[in-house]
């Protein structure tokens, strides 16, 4: 005859069931912090709850807490050393922590234990992308999607592999599929932005990066893609604002300073452009184009002697560079005209 539950035991059972339901719901909705909190409550009731440990690891993955994810995965493996899911979670954490050899070993073990585990195939595709093995990465991502067609990350990996294989229209479709499942997936917004940039669709890049910057206002990649789109669209006022932010965030970026320099010059702010040009030349001191731009900037400021000297230096780098020749000729001519006027 079965033992009767005490009221306290019945209440505890009900609490566990409610927490399990709540945790799964929050995980499904991608409410990572809420899911983690529910799983942590379950583990407070039973520290050896393997399902709760696995769920907590997945919630930590979603929130980007990879050190904690690794610790929780290893805790799960202490309880069940042959858990394919725990091994796959460990592999994912290791991959995100850039411990790629360890990640590969753990993920291979997961696939040996369960060849139909979508997370392990997702991990494999990610590792193959990092190794630049794009045909294999594409096959692994497609296998992950066969097992879980609603995983935005697998669609992202498929798109990334296709982009690197120069299959652009298919990559765009994969990124769209990923965003249909997770509209706030920053990485995919950026990858789609890069793809649209390559396709010469700057207005769409602009709109997409405004959306990305709502999620991460100081993200350098989003700002860089936006700046390139604005330059292509000729939106120099906005470009100046974006590159001002970008040069502050990434002071060692040649692209950021070059676009900032071009924005200032396009707005006719030649005096302010001097500093930006100097920063560009510090980062790329042997580029004849940048020395020619410096000469042109000095010419526009009426500093003809300096312009001629800088253009002369540009011609030492590339004697046949016609833009530098033209600036040199004009600067020398005006320099002597001004000298003649002073002598009269």
Protein backbone atom coordinates (compact mmCIF):
# COMPACT_ATOMS: atom_id res chain seq x y z
CA UNK A 1 0.00 0.00 0.00
CA UNK A 2 1.43 3.44 -1.06
CA UNK A 3 2.36 5.84 1.68
CA UNK A 4 0.16 8.90 1.99
CA UNK A 5 1.78 12.26 1.26
CA UNK A 6 1.93 14.74 4.07
CA UNK A 7 0.48 18.20 3.30
CA UNK A 8 4.01 19.61 3.31
CA UNK A 9 5.18 17.00 0.75
CA UNK A 10 2.17 17.67 -1.47
CA UNK A 11 2.82 21.40 -1.36
CA UNK A 12 6.50 20.86 -2.21
CA UNK A 13 5.55 18.63 -5.16
CA UNK A 14 3.16 21.29 -6.40
CA UNK A 15 5.84 23.96 -6.02
CA UNK A 16 8.34 21.91 -8.03
CA UNK A 17 5.82 21.27 -10.81
CA UNK A 18 4.92 24.96 -10.98
CA UNK A 19 8.57 26.00 -11.08
CA UNK A 20 9.36 23.43 -13.81
CA UNK A 21 6.49 24.72 -15.92
CA UNK A 22 7.49 28.35 -15.35
CA UNK A 23 11.16 27.66 -16.14
CA UNK A 24 10.35 25.86 -19.41
CA UNK A 25 7.94 28.62 -20.44
CA UNK A 26 10.49 31.34 -19.80
CA UNK A 27 13.18 29.38 -21.66
CA UNK A 28 10.84 28.95 -24.63
CA UNK A 29 10.11 32.70 -24.64
CA UNK A 30 13.83 33.54 -24.42
CA UNK A 31 13.34 35.31 -21.10
CA UNK A 32 16.78 34.17 -20.03
CA UNK A 33 17.06 35.84 -16.65
CA UNK A 34 13.59 34.74 -15.57
CA UNK A 35 14.31 31.18 -16.73
CA UNK A 36 17.62 31.14 -14.86
CA UNK A 37 15.91 32.36 -11.69
CA UNK A 38 13.30 29.58 -11.88
CA UNK A 39 15.92 26.90 -12.45
CA UNK A 40 17.98 28.24 -9.55
CA UNK A 41 14.91 27.94 -7.31
CA UNK A 42 14.49 24.32 -8.43
CA UNK A 43 18.14 23.64 -7.62
CA UNK A 44 17.68 25.18 -4.18
CA UNK A 45 15.03 22.52 -3.58
CA UNK A 46 17.13 19.74 -5.16
CA UNK A 47 20.81 20.46 -5.98
CA UNK A 48 21.02 17.20 -7.95
CA UNK A 49 18.14 17.95 -10.34
CA UNK A 50 19.80 17.14 -13.69
CA UNK A 51 17.02 18.68 -15.76
CA UNK A 52 17.24 21.91 -13.80
CA UNK A 53 21.02 22.04 -14.27
CA UNK A 54 20.65 21.53 -18.02
CA UNK A 55 17.92 24.17 -18.21
CA UNK A 56 20.02 26.63 -16.22
CA UNK A 57 22.96 26.04 -18.57
CA UNK A 58 20.73 26.82 -21.58
CA UNK A 59 19.40 29.97 -19.90
CA UNK A 60 22.95 31.13 -19.14
CA UNK A 61 23.85 30.49 -22.78
CA UNK A 62 21.04 32.79 -23.87
CA UNK A 63 22.16 35.56 -21.52
CA UNK A 64 25.83 35.22 -22.53
CA UNK A 65 27.08 34.13 -19.08
CA UNK A 66 29.52 31.56 -20.44
CA UNK A 67 31.77 31.15 -17.39
CA UNK A 68 28.70 30.30 -15.31
CA UNK A 69 27.37 28.07 -18.08
CA UNK A 70 30.62 26.10 -18.05
CA UNK A 71 30.50 25.69 -14.26
CA UNK A 72 26.87 24.50 -14.34
CA UNK A 73 27.59 22.08 -17.20
CA UNK A 74 30.50 20.56 -15.30
CA UNK A 75 28.28 20.25 -12.23
CA UNK A 76 25.73 18.35 -14.33
CA UNK A 77 28.47 16.07 -15.67
CA UNK A 78 29.60 15.22 -12.15
CA UNK A 79 26.10 13.86 -11.54
CA UNK A 80 25.75 12.21 -14.97
CA UNK A 81 29.09 11.85 -16.83
CA UNK A 82 27.39 10.43 -19.93
CA UNK A 83 24.83 13.20 -20.43
CA UNK A 84 25.02 14.26 -24.09
CA UNK A 85 23.17 17.50 -23.37
CA UNK A 86 25.52 18.46 -20.52
CA UNK A 87 28.52 17.74 -22.76
CA UNK A 88 27.02 19.85 -25.56
CA UNK A 89 26.39 22.70 -23.09
CA UNK A 90 29.96 22.43 -21.88
CA UNK A 91 31.20 22.47 -25.48
CA UNK A 92 29.17 25.58 -26.26
CA UNK A 93 30.50 27.42 -23.21
CA UNK A 94 34.08 26.45 -24.10
CA UNK A 95 33.57 27.60 -27.68
CA UNK A 96 32.29 30.99 -26.55
CA UNK A 97 35.24 31.26 -24.17
CA UNK A 98 37.55 30.59 -27.17
CA UNK A 99 38.82 27.29 -25.78
CA UNK A 100 38.26 25.63 -29.12
CA UNK A 101 40.24 22.39 -28.74
CA UNK A 102 38.44 21.53 -25.50
CA UNK A 103 35.12 22.52 -27.07
CA UNK A 104 35.69 20.19 -30.03
CA UNK A 105 36.50 17.24 -27.75
CA UNK A 106 33.42 17.78 -25.55
CA UNK A 107 31.15 18.23 -28.57
CA UNK A 108 32.46 15.10 -30.31
CA UNK A 109 31.72 13.16 -27.12
CA UNK A 110 28.17 14.59 -27.08
CA UNK A 111 27.58 13.47 -30.67
CA UNK A 112 28.93 9.98 -29.93
CA UNK A 113 26.38 9.68 -27.14
CA UNK A 114 23.50 11.22 -29.12
CA UNK A 115 23.86 11.68 -32.86
CA UNK A 116 20.47 13.41 -32.99
CA UNK A 117 21.20 16.24 -30.56
CA UNK A 118 20.52 19.55 -32.32
CA UNK A 119 22.69 21.60 -29.95
CA UNK A 120 25.73 19.44 -30.69
CA UNK A 121 25.27 19.93 -34.45
CA UNK A 122 24.86 23.66 -33.87
CA UNK A 123 28.12 23.64 -31.92
CA UNK A 124 29.88 21.70 -34.65
CA UNK A 125 28.79 24.17 -37.31
CA UNK A 126 30.01 27.08 -35.16
CA UNK A 127 33.38 25.46 -34.59
CA UNK A 128 33.75 24.74 -38.31
CA UNK A 129 32.96 28.38 -39.12
CA UNK A 130 35.70 29.49 -36.73
CA UNK A 131 38.05 27.05 -38.49
CA UNK A 132 36.93 28.51 -41.87
CA UNK A 133 35.66 25.09 -42.98
CA UNK A 134 32.57 26.58 -44.57
CA UNK A 135 31.24 23.64 -46.67
CA UNK A 136 31.34 21.39 -43.57
CA UNK A 137 29.83 24.18 -41.44
CA UNK A 138 26.94 24.46 -43.89
CA UNK A 139 26.24 20.71 -43.70
CA UNK A 140 26.36 20.75 -39.90
CA UNK A 141 24.02 23.75 -39.70
CA UNK A 142 21.58 22.05 -42.04
CA UNK A 143 21.68 18.92 -39.87
CA UNK A 144 20.95 21.08 -36.80
CA UNK A 145 17.98 22.59 -38.64
CA UNK A 146 16.64 19.15 -39.58
CA UNK A 147 16.53 18.39 -35.85
CA UNK A 148 15.31 21.84 -34.71
CA UNK A 149 14.06 24.07 -37.56
CA UNK A 150 13.16 26.89 -35.15
CA UNK A 151 16.67 27.48 -33.82
CA UNK A 152 17.60 31.03 -34.85
CA UNK A 153 21.27 30.27 -34.11
CA UNK A 154 21.39 27.39 -36.59
CA UNK A 155 19.86 29.63 -39.28
CA UNK A 156 22.51 32.22 -38.40
CA UNK A 157 25.31 29.66 -38.81
CA UNK A 158 23.84 28.51 -42.11
CA UNK A 159 23.73 32.11 -43.33
CA UNK A 160 27.29 32.77 -42.20
CA UNK A 161 28.58 29.68 -44.01
CA UNK A 162 26.68 30.63 -47.19
CA UNK A 163 27.96 34.22 -47.01
CA UNK A 164 31.53 32.97 -46.85
CA UNK A 165 30.83 30.65 -49.79
CA UNK A 166 29.61 33.75 -51.70
CA UNK A 167 26.10 32.30 -52.05
CA UNK A 168 24.60 35.66 -51.21
CA UNK A 169 20.90 35.23 -52.01
CA UNK A 170 20.76 31.98 -50.01
CA UNK A 171 22.64 33.63 -47.14
CA UNK A 172 20.14 36.50 -47.10
CA UNK A 173 17.25 34.03 -46.89
CA UNK A 174 18.93 32.19 -44.01
CA UNK A 175 19.48 35.44 -42.10
CA UNK A 176 15.84 36.40 -42.69
CA UNK A 177 14.76 33.01 -41.32
CA UNK A 178 16.90 33.57 -38.24
CA UNK A 179 15.46 37.05 -37.62
CA UNK A 180 11.92 35.73 -38.10
CA UNK A 181 12.59 33.53 -35.06
CA UNK A 182 14.59 36.08 -33.04
CA UNK A 183 14.13 39.68 -34.30
CA UNK A 184 16.62 41.03 -31.74
CA UNK A 185 19.52 38.75 -32.71
CA UNK A 186 22.29 41.36 -32.89
CA UNK A 187 24.86 39.14 -34.63
CA UNK A 188 22.40 38.33 -37.43
CA UNK A 189 21.35 41.95 -37.83
CA UNK A 190 25.02 42.78 -38.34
CA UNK A 191 25.69 39.88 -40.70
CA UNK A 192 22.64 40.79 -42.77
CA UNK A 193 23.88 44.39 -42.76
CA UNK A 194 27.27 43.30 -44.09
CA UNK A 195 25.57 41.22 -46.77
CA UNK A 196 23.34 44.12 -47.86
CA UNK A 197 26.42 46.37 -47.93
CA UNK A 198 28.09 43.96 -50.34
CA UNK A 199 24.93 43.96 -52.47
CA UNK A 200 25.02 47.77 -52.66
CA UNK A 201 21.79 48.40 -50.71
CA UNK A 202 22.87 51.17 -48.31
CA UNK A 203 19.39 52.43 -47.37
CA UNK A 204 18.48 48.95 -46.05
CA UNK A 205 21.80 48.78 -44.19
CA UNK A 206 21.02 52.15 -42.60
CA UNK A 207 17.59 51.00 -41.40
CA UNK A 208 18.94 47.69 -40.13
CA UNK A 209 21.80 49.28 -38.19
CA UNK A 210 19.49 51.82 -36.56
CA UNK A 211 17.60 48.80 -35.27
CA UNK A 212 20.82 47.10 -34.16
CA UNK A 213 21.94 50.24 -32.32
CA UNK A 214 18.70 50.30 -30.36
CA UNK A 215 19.81 46.95 -28.91
CA UNK A 216 23.48 47.91 -28.40
CA UNK A 217 23.98 51.69 -28.76
CA UNK A 218 27.80 51.63 -28.62
CA UNK A 219 28.49 48.58 -30.73
CA UNK A 220 31.46 49.40 -33.02
CA UNK A 221 30.50 46.98 -35.81
CA UNK A 222 26.96 48.36 -36.08
CA UNK A 223 28.32 51.92 -36.07
CA UNK A 224 30.89 51.03 -38.73
CA UNK A 225 28.27 49.46 -41.02
CA UNK A 226 26.00 52.46 -40.49
CA UNK A 227 28.85 54.85 -41.30
CA UNK A 228 29.62 53.03 -44.54
CA UNK A 229 25.96 53.15 -45.53
CA UNK A 230 25.71 56.88 -44.73
CA UNK A 231 28.82 57.61 -46.77
CA UNK A 232 27.33 55.75 -49.74
CA UNK A 233 24.07 57.71 -49.33
CA UNK A 234 25.90 61.04 -49.00
CA UNK A 235 24.36 61.74 -45.59
CA UNK A 236 27.30 63.68 -44.24
CA UNK A 237 25.74 65.34 -41.18
CA UNK A 238 24.65 61.99 -39.77
CA UNK A 239 27.94 60.44 -40.87
CA UNK A 240 29.82 63.08 -38.86
CA UNK A 241 27.77 62.26 -35.74
CA UNK A 242 28.31 58.51 -36.15
CA UNK A 243 32.05 58.74 -36.86
CA UNK A 244 32.52 61.09 -33.89
CA UNK A 245 31.13 58.31 -31.71
CA UNK A 246 33.05 55.60 -33.57
CA UNK A 247 36.46 57.30 -33.34
CA UNK A 248 35.91 57.74 -29.60
CA UNK A 249 35.07 54.04 -29.18
CA UNK A 250 37.76 52.72 -31.55
CA UNK A 251 40.61 55.26 -31.64
CA UNK A 252 42.88 52.80 -33.45
CA UNK A 253 40.48 52.17 -36.36
CA UNK A 254 41.71 53.47 -39.71
CA UNK A 255 38.26 53.04 -41.25
CA UNK A 256 36.63 55.14 -38.51
CA UNK A 257 39.11 58.00 -38.85
CA UNK A 258 39.04 57.93 -42.65
CA UNK A 259 35.24 58.22 -42.72
CA UNK A 260 35.36 60.94 -40.04
CA UNK A 261 37.89 62.84 -42.14
CA UNK A 262 35.75 62.52 -45.25
CA UNK A 263 32.61 63.65 -43.39
CA UNK A 264 34.37 66.80 -42.15
CA UNK A 265 35.75 67.62 -45.59
CA UNK A 266 32.38 67.03 -47.27
CA UNK A 267 30.83 69.49 -44.80
CA UNK A 268 33.53 72.06 -45.65
CA UNK A 269 35.05 71.85 -42.16
CA UNK A 270 38.64 71.76 -43.42
CA UNK A 271 40.25 73.19 -40.29
CA UNK A 272 38.65 70.47 -38.12
CA UNK A 273 39.63 67.86 -40.69
CA UNK A 274 43.34 68.50 -40.03
CA UNK A 275 43.38 66.42 -36.84
CA UNK A 276 41.47 63.57 -38.46
CA UNK A 277 43.90 63.53 -41.41
CA UNK A 278 46.85 63.38 -39.03
CA UNK A 279 45.29 60.41 -37.23
CA UNK A 280 44.72 58.67 -40.57
CA UNK A 281 48.37 59.19 -41.53
CA UNK A 282 49.56 57.87 -38.17
CA UNK A 283 47.64 54.66 -38.88
CA UNK A 284 48.63 54.39 -42.57
CA UNK A 285 51.75 56.54 -43.12
CA UNK A 286 52.67 55.28 -46.61
CA UNK A 287 49.33 55.75 -48.38
CA UNK A 288 49.69 58.23 -51.22
CA UNK A 289 45.94 58.92 -51.29
CA UNK A 290 45.93 60.17 -47.71
CA UNK A 291 48.97 62.39 -48.25
CA UNK A 292 47.21 63.80 -51.32
CA UNK A 293 44.08 64.47 -49.25
CA UNK A 294 46.23 66.30 -46.70
CA UNK A 295 47.73 68.40 -49.50
CA UNK A 296 44.26 69.16 -50.88
CA UNK A 297 43.00 70.12 -47.41
CA UNK A 298 45.88 72.56 -46.94
CA UNK A 299 45.25 73.96 -50.42
CA UNK A 300 41.59 74.61 -49.56
CA UNK A 301 42.70 76.43 -46.41
CA UNK A 302 44.93 78.70 -48.53
CA UNK A 303 48.14 77.24 -47.11
CA UNK A 304 49.72 76.80 -50.53
CA UNK A 305 53.37 76.42 -49.54
CA UNK A 306 52.50 73.59 -47.11
CA UNK A 307 50.18 72.03 -49.70
CA UNK A 308 52.97 72.00 -52.30
CA UNK A 309 55.42 70.46 -49.83
CA UNK A 310 52.96 67.68 -48.83
CA UNK A 311 52.01 66.99 -52.46
CA UNK A 312 55.71 66.74 -53.26
CA UNK A 313 56.09 64.11 -50.54
CA UNK A 314 53.09 62.21 -51.96
CA UNK A 315 54.84 62.18 -55.35
CA UNK A 316 57.92 60.67 -53.76
CA UNK A 317 55.70 57.75 -52.73
CA UNK A 318 54.06 57.47 -56.16
CA UNK A 319 55.63 59.69 -58.86
CA UNK A 320 52.86 59.03 -61.40
CA UNK A 321 49.92 59.64 -59.07
CA UNK A 322 47.94 62.19 -61.05
CA UNK A 323 45.80 63.69 -58.21
CA UNK A 324 48.99 64.55 -56.28
CA UNK A 325 50.52 66.06 -59.44
CA UNK A 326 47.47 68.30 -59.94
CA UNK A 327 47.47 69.53 -56.33
CA UNK A 328 51.22 70.21 -56.54
CA UNK A 329 50.86 72.19 -59.76
CA UNK A 330 47.96 74.29 -58.45
CA UNK A 331 49.61 74.92 -55.08
CA UNK A 332 52.92 75.98 -56.64
CA UNK A 333 51.15 78.29 -59.11
CA UNK A 334 49.10 80.02 -56.40
CA UNK A 335 52.10 80.16 -54.07
CA UNK A 336 54.04 82.18 -56.66
CA UNK A 337 51.04 84.36 -57.53
CA UNK A 338 50.70 85.32 -53.86
CA UNK A 339 54.44 85.98 -53.69
CA UNK A 340 54.27 88.26 -56.75
CA UNK A 341 51.37 90.25 -55.25
CA UNK A 342 53.34 90.83 -52.07
CA UNK A 343 56.31 92.13 -54.09
CA UNK A 344 54.23 94.70 -55.98
